[in-house]
PDB file of N, CA and C in Angstrom:
ATOM      1  N   MET A   1       2.210 -23.765  -5.245  1.00  0.00           N
ATOM      2  CA  MET A   1       3.378 -22.607  -4.818  1.00  0.00           C
ATOM      3  C   MET A   1       3.176 -23.069  -3.268  1.00  0.00           C
ATOM      4  N   GLY A   2       2.790 -23.608  -2.596  1.00  0.00           N
ATOM      5  CA  GLY A   2       2.296 -23.469  -0.753  1.00  0.00           C
ATOM      6  C   GLY A   2       2.875 -22.569  -0.116  1.00  0.00           C
ATOM      7  N   MET A   3       1.738 -21.813  -0.597  1.00  0.00           N
ATOM      8  CA  MET A   3       1.557 -20.301  -0.003  1.00  0.00           C
ATOM      9  C   MET A   3       0.170 -20.500   0.960  1.00  0.00           C
ATOM     10  N   ASP A   4      -0.323 -20.035   2.273  1.00  0.00           N
ATOM     11  CA  ASP A   4      -1.217 -19.864   2.910  1.00  0.00           C
ATOM     12  C   ASP A   4      -2.596 -19.049   1.822  1.00  0.00           C
ATOM     13  N   PHE A   5      -1.980 -18.051   1.428  1.00  0.00           N
ATOM     14  CA  PHE A   5      -3.016 -16.791   1.076  1.00  0.00           C
ATOM     15  C   PHE A   5      -2.045 -16.920  -0.439  1.00  0.00           C
ATOM     16  N   PRO A   6      -2.318 -17.434  -1.525  1.00  0.00           N
ATOM     17  CA  PRO A   6      -1.126 -17.384  -2.868  1.00  0.00           C
ATOM     18  C   PRO A   6      -2.332 -16.011  -2.989  1.00  0.00           C
ATOM     19  N   ASN A   7      -1.183 -14.934  -4.195  1.00  0.00           N
ATOM     20  CA  ASN A   7      -1.642 -14.182  -4.454  1.00  0.00           C
ATOM     21  C   ASN A   7      -0.795 -13.087  -4.703  1.00  0.00           C
ATOM     22  N   ILE A   8      -0.728 -12.538  -5.518  1.00  0.00           N
ATOM     23  CA  ILE A   8       0.465 -11.261  -6.445  1.00  0.00           C
ATOM     24  C   ILE A   8      -0.026  -9.973  -6.141  1.00  0.00           C
ATOM     25  N   PRO A   9       1.035  -9.396  -5.264  1.00  0.00           N
ATOM     26  CA  PRO A   9       2.583  -9.929  -5.530  1.00  0.00           C
ATOM     27  C   PRO A   9       2.862 -10.588  -4.565  1.00  0.00           C
ATOM     28  N   HIS A  10       3.963 -11.373  -4.349  1.00  0.00           N
ATOM     29  CA  HIS A  10       3.943 -12.131  -3.511  1.00  0.00           C
ATOM     30  C   HIS A  10       5.647 -12.543  -3.262  1.00  0.00           C
ATOM     31  N   TRP A  11       6.050 -12.823  -2.303  1.00  0.00           N
ATOM     32  CA  TRP A  11       7.775 -12.973  -1.909  1.00  0.00           C
ATOM     33  C   TRP A  11       8.192 -14.498  -1.598  1.00  0.00           C
ATOM     34  N   ILE A  12       8.984 -14.768  -2.014  1.00  0.00           N
ATOM     35  CA  ILE A  12       9.384 -16.163  -1.466  1.00  0.00           C
ATOM     36  C   ILE A  12      11.143 -16.019  -1.180  1.00  0.00           C
ATOM     37  N   ASP A  13      11.814 -16.092   0.017  1.00  0.00           N
ATOM     38  CA  ASP A  13      12.875 -15.464   0.849  1.00  0.00           C
ATOM     39  C   ASP A  13      12.750 -16.566   1.546  1.00  0.00           C
ATOM     40  N   GLY A  14      13.360 -18.155   0.474  1.00  0.00           N
ATOM     41  CA  GLY A  14      13.493 -19.214   1.425  1.00  0.00           C
ATOM     42  C   GLY A  14      12.556 -20.452   1.771  1.00  0.00           C
ATOM     43  N   GLU A  15      12.759 -21.027   2.613  1.00  0.00           N
ATOM     44  CA  GLU A  15      11.437 -21.211   3.026  1.00  0.00           C
ATOM     45  C   GLU A  15      10.004 -20.628   3.281  1.00  0.00           C
ATOM     46  N   HIS A  16      10.430 -19.032   3.762  1.00  0.00           N
ATOM     47  CA  HIS A  16       9.161 -17.971   3.950  1.00  0.00           C
ATOM     48  C   HIS A  16       8.452 -17.375   3.100  1.00  0.00           C
ATOM     49  N   LYS A  17       7.300 -17.946   3.007  1.00  0.00           N
ATOM     50  CA  LYS A  17       6.539 -17.296   1.377  1.00  0.00           C
ATOM     51  C   LYS A  17       5.165 -16.224   2.253  1.00  0.00           C
ATOM     52  N   LEU A  18       5.514 -14.967   1.558  1.00  0.00           N
ATOM     53  CA  LEU A  18       4.320 -14.117   1.479  1.00  0.00           C
ATOM     54  C   LEU A  18       3.954 -13.248   0.192  1.00  0.00           C
ATOM     55  N   ALA A  19       2.737 -13.339   0.584  1.00  0.00           N
ATOM     56  CA  ALA A  19       1.310 -12.816  -0.285  1.00  0.00           C
ATOM     57  C   ALA A  19       1.255 -11.174   0.449  1.00  0.00           C
ATOM     58  N   GLU A  20       0.633 -10.609  -0.348  1.00  0.00           N
ATOM     59  CA  GLU A  20       0.090  -9.149  -0.478  1.00  0.00           C
ATOM     60  C   GLU A  20       0.691  -7.948  -0.153  1.00  0.00           C
ATOM     61  N   SER A  21       1.071  -7.434  -0.812  1.00  0.00           N
ATOM     62  CA  SER A  21       1.308  -5.868  -1.124  1.00  0.00           C
ATOM     63  C   SER A  21       2.254  -5.240   0.129  1.00  0.00           C
ATOM     64  N   THR A  22       1.249  -5.158   1.617  1.00  0.00           N
ATOM     65  CA  THR A  22       2.147  -4.719   2.848  1.00  0.00           C
ATOM     66  C   THR A  22       2.523  -5.531   3.273  1.00  0.00           C
ATOM     67  N   ALA A  23       2.243  -6.687   3.191  1.00  0.00           N
ATOM     68  CA  ALA A  23       3.087  -7.691   3.778  1.00  0.00           C
ATOM     69  C   ALA A  23       4.256  -7.790   3.699  1.00  0.00           C
ATOM     70  N   VAL A  24       4.328  -7.657   2.309  1.00  0.00           N
ATOM     71  CA  VAL A  24       5.624  -7.923   1.460  1.00  0.00           C
ATOM     72  C   VAL A  24       6.420  -6.676   1.923  1.00  0.00           C
ATOM     73  N   HIS A  25       6.299  -5.497   1.391  1.00  0.00           N
ATOM     74  CA  HIS A  25       6.694  -4.387   2.231  1.00  0.00           C
ATOM     75  C   HIS A  25       7.387  -4.142   3.031  1.00  0.00           C
ATOM     76  N   GLN A  26       6.381  -4.842   4.209  1.00  0.00           N
ATOM     77  CA  GLN A  26       6.915  -4.871   5.917  1.00  0.00           C
ATOM     78  C   GLN A  26       8.051  -5.676   6.198  1.00  0.00           C
ATOM     79  N   TYR A  27       7.758  -6.434   5.700  1.00  0.00           N
ATOM     80  CA  TYR A  27       8.730  -7.981   5.872  1.00  0.00           C
ATOM     81  C   TYR A  27      10.538  -6.848   4.975  1.00  0.00           C
ATOM     82  N   LEU A  28      10.551  -6.684   4.269  1.00  0.00           N
ATOM     83  CA  LEU A  28      11.275  -6.271   3.302  1.00  0.00           C
ATOM     84  C   LEU A  28      12.035  -5.266   4.102  1.00  0.00           C
ATOM     85  N   ALA A  29      11.217  -4.243   4.716  1.00  0.00           N
ATOM     86  CA  ALA A  29      11.910  -2.902   5.202  1.00  0.00           C
ATOM     87  C   ALA A  29      11.751  -3.163   6.534  1.00  0.00           C
ATOM     88  N   ALA A  30      11.514  -4.239   7.589  1.00  0.00           N
ATOM     89  CA  ALA A  30      12.104  -4.802   8.221  1.00  0.00           C
ATOM     90  C   ALA A  30      13.195  -6.064   8.624  1.00  0.00           C
ATOM     91  N   LYS A  31      14.169  -6.391   7.257  1.00  0.00           N
ATOM     92  CA  LYS A  31      14.977  -7.549   6.759  1.00  0.00           C
ATOM     93  C   LYS A  31      16.114  -6.136   6.797  1.00  0.00           C
ATOM     94  N   TYR A  32      15.381  -5.350   5.758  1.00  0.00           N
ATOM     95  CA  TYR A  32      16.352  -4.933   4.866  1.00  0.00           C
ATOM     96  C   TYR A  32      16.957  -3.159   5.814  1.00  0.00           C
ATOM     97  N   CYS A  33      15.802  -2.887   6.512  1.00  0.00           N
ATOM     98  CA  CYS A  33      16.517  -1.038   6.850  1.00  0.00           C
ATOM     99  C   CYS A  33      15.008  -1.384   7.420  1.00  0.00           C
ATOM    100  N   PRO A  34      15.370  -1.868   8.709  1.00  0.00           N
ATOM    101  CA  PRO A  34      14.155  -1.801  10.253  1.00  0.00           C
ATOM    102  C   PRO A  34      13.572  -0.033  10.447  1.00  0.00           C
ATOM    103  N   LYS A  35      14.540   0.539  10.386  1.00  0.00           N
ATOM    104  CA  LYS A  35      14.194   2.603  10.561  1.00  0.00           C
ATOM    105  C   LYS A  35      13.344   3.087   9.326  1.00  0.00           C
ATOM    106  N   LEU A  36      12.766   2.260   8.331  1.00  0.00           N
ATOM    107  CA  LEU A  36      11.745   2.532   7.692  1.00  0.00           C
ATOM    108  C   LEU A  36      10.570   2.416   8.224  1.00  0.00           C
ATOM    109  N   LEU A  37      10.663   1.828   9.338  1.00  0.00           N
ATOM    110  CA  LEU A  37       9.191   0.901   9.824  1.00  0.00           C
ATOM    111  C   LEU A  37       8.906   1.817  11.394  1.00  0.00           C
ATOM    112  N   GLY A  38       9.960   2.750  11.564  1.00  0.00           N
ATOM    113  CA  GLY A  38       9.803   3.803  12.253  1.00  0.00           C
ATOM    114  C   GLY A  38      10.292   3.230  14.198  1.00  0.00           C
ATOM    115  N   THR A  39      10.904   4.090  14.508  1.00  0.00           N
ATOM    116  CA  THR A  39      11.899   4.085  15.403  1.00  0.00           C
ATOM    117  C   THR A  39      11.326   4.366  16.720  1.00  0.00           C
ATOM    118  N   THR A  40       9.658   5.129  16.832  1.00  0.00           N
ATOM    119  CA  THR A  40       9.384   4.841  17.991  1.00  0.00           C
ATOM    120  C   THR A  40       7.527   4.524  17.886  1.00  0.00           C
ATOM    121  N   ALA A  41       7.039   4.352  18.975  1.00  0.00           N
ATOM    122  CA  ALA A  41       5.486   4.355  18.626  1.00  0.00           C
ATOM    123  C   ALA A  41       5.152   5.144  17.662  1.00  0.00           C
ATOM    124  N   GLN A  42       5.620   6.389  17.633  1.00  0.00           N
ATOM    125  CA  GLN A  42       5.031   8.007  16.997  1.00  0.00           C
ATOM    126  C   GLN A  42       4.848   7.517  15.882  1.00  0.00           C
ATOM    127  N   GLU A  43       6.322   7.666  15.557  1.00  0.00           N
ATOM    128  CA  GLU A  43       6.918   7.130  13.990  1.00  0.00           C
ATOM    129  C   GLU A  43       6.198   6.156  13.382  1.00  0.00           C
ATOM    130  N   ARG A  44       5.868   4.822  14.055  1.00  0.00           N
ATOM    131  CA  ARG A  44       5.331   3.772  13.963  1.00  0.00           C
ATOM    132  C   ARG A  44       3.695   3.809  13.634  1.00  0.00           C
ATOM    133  N   GLY A  45       2.872   4.735  14.362  1.00  0.00           N
ATOM    134  CA  GLY A  45       1.714   5.343  14.021  1.00  0.00           C
ATOM    135  C   GLY A  45       1.455   5.921  12.922  1.00  0.00           C
ATOM    136  N   ILE A  46       2.766   7.236  12.619  1.00  0.00           N
ATOM    137  CA  ILE A  46       2.275   7.996  11.260  1.00  0.00           C
ATOM    138  C   ILE A  46       2.734   6.985  10.030  1.00  0.00           C
ATOM    139  N   ILE A  47       3.875   5.734  10.114  1.00  0.00           N
ATOM    140  CA  ILE A  47       4.000   5.279   8.733  1.00  0.00           C
ATOM    141  C   ILE A  47       2.670   4.252   8.710  1.00  0.00           C
ATOM    142  N   ARG A  48       2.524   3.531   9.716  1.00  0.00           N
ATOM    143  CA  ARG A  48       0.957   3.072   9.241  1.00  0.00           C
ATOM    144  C   ARG A  48      -0.047   3.510   8.628  1.00  0.00           C
ATOM    145  N   MET A  49      -0.412   5.074   9.347  1.00  0.00           N
ATOM    146  CA  MET A  49      -1.690   5.634   9.135  1.00  0.00           C
ATOM    147  C   MET A  49      -1.281   5.760   7.459  1.00  0.00           C
ATOM    148  N   ALA A  50      -0.350   6.432   7.513  1.00  0.00           N
ATOM    149  CA  ALA A  50       0.207   6.667   5.936  1.00  0.00           C
ATOM    150  C   ALA A  50       0.316   5.953   5.035  1.00  0.00           C
ATOM    151  N   GLU A  51       0.557   4.223   5.530  1.00  0.00           N
ATOM    152  CA  GLU A  51      -0.172   3.450   4.502  1.00  0.00           C
ATOM    153  C   GLU A  51      -1.025   2.908   4.451  1.00  0.00           C
ATOM    154  N   ASN A  52      -1.694   3.296   4.781  1.00  0.00           N
ATOM    155  CA  ASN A  52      -3.280   2.729   5.347  1.00  0.00           C
ATOM    156  C   ASN A  52      -3.921   3.542   4.155  1.00  0.00           C
ATOM    157  N   VAL A  53      -3.511   4.858   3.846  1.00  0.00           N
ATOM    158  CA  VAL A  53      -4.438   5.755   3.156  1.00  0.00           C
ATOM    159  C   VAL A  53      -3.810   5.645   2.296  1.00  0.00           C
ATOM    160  N   ILE A  54      -2.828   5.310   1.570  1.00  0.00           N
ATOM    161  CA  ILE A  54      -2.569   4.951   0.448  1.00  0.00           C
ATOM    162  C   ILE A  54      -2.748   3.710  -0.512  1.00  0.00           C
ATOM    163  N   TYR A  55      -2.416   2.648   0.652  1.00  0.00           N
ATOM    164  CA  TYR A  55      -2.760   1.058   0.336  1.00  0.00           C
ATOM    165  C   TYR A  55      -4.642   0.839   0.110  1.00  0.00           C
ATOM    166  N   ALA A  56      -5.201   1.435   0.895  1.00  0.00           N
ATOM    167  CA  ALA A  56      -6.611   1.691   1.385  1.00  0.00           C
ATOM    168  C   ALA A  56      -7.823   2.818   0.403  1.00  0.00           C
ATOM    169  N   ASP A  57      -7.316   3.900   1.069  1.00  0.00           N
ATOM    170  CA  ASP A  57      -8.202   4.931   0.440  1.00  0.00           C
ATOM    171  C   ASP A  57      -7.953   5.008  -0.700  1.00  0.00           C
ATOM    172  N   PHE A  58      -6.687   5.524  -1.334  1.00  0.00           N
ATOM    173  CA  PHE A  58      -6.080   5.849  -2.503  1.00  0.00           C
ATOM    174  C   PHE A  58      -6.253   4.751  -3.551  1.00  0.00           C
ATOM    175  N   ASN A  59      -5.695   3.552  -3.123  1.00  0.00           N
ATOM    176  CA  ASN A  59      -5.931   2.810  -4.153  1.00  0.00           C
ATOM    177  C   ASN A  59      -7.046   2.261  -4.698  1.00  0.00           C
ATOM    178  N   GLU A  60      -8.270   2.226  -3.714  1.00  0.00           N
ATOM    179  CA  GLU A  60      -9.523   2.145  -4.001  1.00  0.00           C
ATOM    180  C   GLU A  60      -9.969   3.220  -5.003  1.00  0.00           C
ATOM    181  N   LYS A  61      -9.558   3.933  -4.900  1.00  0.00           N
ATOM    182  CA  LYS A  61     -10.158   4.934  -5.893  1.00  0.00           C
ATOM    183  C   LYS A  61      -9.205   4.722  -7.307  1.00  0.00           C
ATOM    184  N   LEU A  62      -8.019   4.387  -7.574  1.00  0.00           N
ATOM    185  CA  LEU A  62      -7.470   4.109  -8.785  1.00  0.00           C
ATOM    186  C   LEU A  62      -7.919   3.102  -9.075  1.00  0.00           C
ATOM    187  N   ASN A  63      -7.806   1.760  -8.539  1.00  0.00           N
ATOM    188  CA  ASN A  63      -8.653   0.826  -8.767  1.00  0.00           C
ATOM    189  C   ASN A  63     -10.469   1.442  -9.668  1.00  0.00           C
ATOM    190  N   GLY A  64     -10.915   2.019  -8.996  1.00  0.00           N
ATOM    191  CA  GLY A  64     -11.852   2.629  -9.706  1.00  0.00           C
ATOM    192  C   GLY A  64     -11.876   3.095 -11.052  1.00  0.00           C
ATOM    193  N   LEU A  65     -10.899   3.584 -11.419  1.00  0.00           N
ATOM    194  CA  LEU A  65     -10.273   3.765 -12.452  1.00  0.00           C
ATOM    195  C   LEU A  65     -10.409   2.709 -14.085  1.00  0.00           C
ATOM    196  N   CYS A  66     -10.115   1.906 -13.539  1.00  0.00           N
ATOM    197  CA  CYS A  66      -9.980   0.808 -14.145  1.00  0.00           C
ATOM    198  C   CYS A  66     -10.988  -0.146 -14.136  1.00  0.00           C
ATOM    199  N   TYR A  67     -11.895  -0.320 -13.401  1.00  0.00           N
ATOM    200  CA  TYR A  67     -13.004  -0.737 -13.494  1.00  0.00           C
ATOM    201  C   TYR A  67     -14.133  -0.413 -13.504  1.00  0.00           C
ATOM    202  N   ALA A  68     -14.168   1.014 -13.476  1.00  0.00           N
ATOM    203  CA  ALA A  68     -15.765   1.900 -13.528  1.00  0.00           C
ATOM    204  C   ALA A  68     -16.196   2.000 -15.121  1.00  0.00           C
ATOM    205  N   GLN A  69     -17.379   2.359 -15.186  1.00  0.00           N
ATOM    206  CA  GLN A  69     -18.288   2.952 -16.509  1.00  0.00           C
ATOM    207  C   GLN A  69     -19.116   3.874 -16.396  1.00  0.00           C
ATOM    208  N   ASP A  70     -18.208   4.802 -15.375  1.00  0.00           N
ATOM    209  CA  ASP A  70     -18.833   6.316 -15.030  1.00  0.00           C
ATOM    210  C   ASP A  70     -17.919   7.131 -16.428  1.00  0.00           C
ATOM    211  N   ASP A  71     -18.530   8.447 -15.807  1.00  0.00           N
ATOM    212  CA  ASP A  71     -17.468   9.603 -17.023  1.00  0.00           C
ATOM    213  C   ASP A  71     -15.807   9.515 -16.452  1.00  0.00           C
ATOM    214  N   MET A  72     -14.825   8.987 -17.303  1.00  0.00           N
ATOM    215  CA  MET A  72     -13.470   8.862 -17.003  1.00  0.00           C
ATOM    216  C   MET A  72     -13.201  10.601 -16.468  1.00  0.00           C
ATOM    217  N   ASN A  73     -13.881  11.653 -17.034  1.00  0.00           N
ATOM    218  CA  ASN A  73     -13.178  13.083 -16.113  1.00  0.00           C
ATOM    219  C   ASN A  73     -13.527  13.241 -14.882  1.00  0.00           C
ATOM    220  N   THR A  74     -14.630  12.702 -14.691  1.00  0.00           N
ATOM    221  CA  THR A  74     -15.132  13.111 -13.109  1.00  0.00           C
ATOM    222  C   THR A  74     -14.285  11.793 -12.522  1.00  0.00           C
ATOM    223  N   LEU A  75     -13.819  10.436 -12.868  1.00  0.00           N
ATOM    224  CA  LEU A  75     -13.244   9.531 -12.163  1.00  0.00           C
ATOM    225  C   LEU A  75     -11.656  10.081 -11.888  1.00  0.00           C
ATOM    226  N   GLU A  76     -11.241  10.295 -13.077  1.00  0.00           N
ATOM    227  CA  GLU A  76     -10.037  10.853 -12.947  1.00  0.00           C
ATOM    228  C   GLU A  76      -9.304  12.020 -12.030  1.00  0.00           C
ATOM    229  N   GLN A  77     -10.548  13.093 -11.947  1.00  0.00           N
ATOM    230  CA  GLN A  77     -10.455  13.912 -11.076  1.00  0.00           C
ATOM    231  C   GLN A  77     -10.611  13.915  -9.707  1.00  0.00           C
ATOM    232  N   GLY A  78     -11.511  12.592  -9.376  1.00  0.00           N
ATOM    233  CA  GLY A  78     -12.114  12.250  -8.188  1.00  0.00           C
ATOM    234  C   GLY A  78     -10.521  11.325  -7.216  1.00  0.00           C
ATOM    235  N   THR A  79      -9.643  10.710  -9.006  1.00  0.00           N
ATOM    236  CA  THR A  79      -8.807  10.164  -8.399  1.00  0.00           C
ATOM    237  C   THR A  79      -7.689  11.361  -8.077  1.00  0.00           C
ATOM    238  N   LEU A  80      -6.938  12.033  -9.272  1.00  0.00           N
ATOM    239  CA  LEU A  80      -6.612  12.905  -8.305  1.00  0.00           C
ATOM    240  C   LEU A  80      -6.188  13.873  -7.394  1.00  0.00           C
ATOM    241  N   GLY A  81      -7.717  13.789  -6.930  1.00  0.00           N
ATOM    242  CA  GLY A  81      -7.826  14.734  -5.840  1.00  0.00           C
ATOM    243  C   GLY A  81      -7.654  14.177  -4.577  1.00  0.00           C
ATOM    244  N   GLY A  82      -7.339  12.805  -4.957  1.00  0.00           N
ATOM    245  CA  GLY A  82      -6.947  11.898  -3.647  1.00  0.00           C
ATOM    246  C   GLY A  82      -5.371  11.983  -3.422  1.00  0.00           C
ATOM    247  N   LEU A  83      -4.806  12.107  -4.111  1.00  0.00           N
ATOM    248  CA  LEU A  83      -3.586  12.429  -4.147  1.00  0.00           C
ATOM    249  C   LEU A  83      -2.861  13.656  -3.096  1.00  0.00           C
ATOM    250  N   LYS A  84      -3.760  14.587  -3.150  1.00  0.00           N
ATOM    251  CA  LYS A  84      -3.581  16.130  -2.860  1.00  0.00           C
ATOM    252  C   LYS A  84      -3.220  16.008  -0.961  1.00  0.00           C
ATOM    253  N   PRO A  85      -3.869  15.105  -0.283  1.00  0.00           N
ATOM    254  CA  PRO A  85      -3.806  14.861   1.355  1.00  0.00           C
ATOM    255  C   PRO A  85      -1.991  14.352   1.243  1.00  0.00           C
ATOM    256  N   ILE A  86      -1.974  13.137  -0.086  1.00  0.00           N
ATOM    257  CA  ILE A  86      -0.645  12.721   0.333  1.00  0.00           C
ATOM    258  C   ILE A  86      -0.361  13.231   0.330  1.00  0.00           C
ATOM    259  N   GLU A  87       0.099  13.853  -0.947  1.00  0.00           N
ATOM    260  CA  GLU A  87       1.385  15.338  -1.497  1.00  0.00           C
ATOM    261  C   GLU A  87       1.596  16.169  -0.282  1.00  0.00           C
ATOM    262  N   LYS A  88       0.691  16.578   0.775  1.00  0.00           N
ATOM    263  CA  LYS A  88       0.528  17.521   1.787  1.00  0.00           C
ATOM    264  C   LYS A  88       1.328  16.490   2.785  1.00  0.00           C
ATOM    265  N   PHE A  89       0.995  15.216   2.579  1.00  0.00           N
ATOM    266  CA  PHE A  89       1.800  14.633   4.365  1.00  0.00           C
ATOM    267  C   PHE A  89       2.814  14.923   3.877  1.00  0.00           C
ATOM    268  N   LEU A  90       4.032  14.455   2.753  1.00  0.00           N
ATOM    269  CA  LEU A  90       5.191  13.596   2.191  1.00  0.00           C
ATOM    270  C   LEU A  90       5.538  14.894   2.212  1.00  0.00           C
TER     271      LEU A  90
END
């Protein structure tokens, strides 16, 4: 594949090859709609904060549903509870 860090998801744009969700998303936004990344330092900071919460914090809880052996009801409630701050923010 010729990628520095081959992984899924990945994006190939001519000779440019990227892997990892956030890198692919940021590249596409920068290429096709840069204003999605924010036009001021404040906007860019808020967008990065939301990105980190969604990809790191919530994604970790969501993955827990796939791999955990614990009580599913408890896991589901914890995961759904993680959506509340994101929903409020949006």
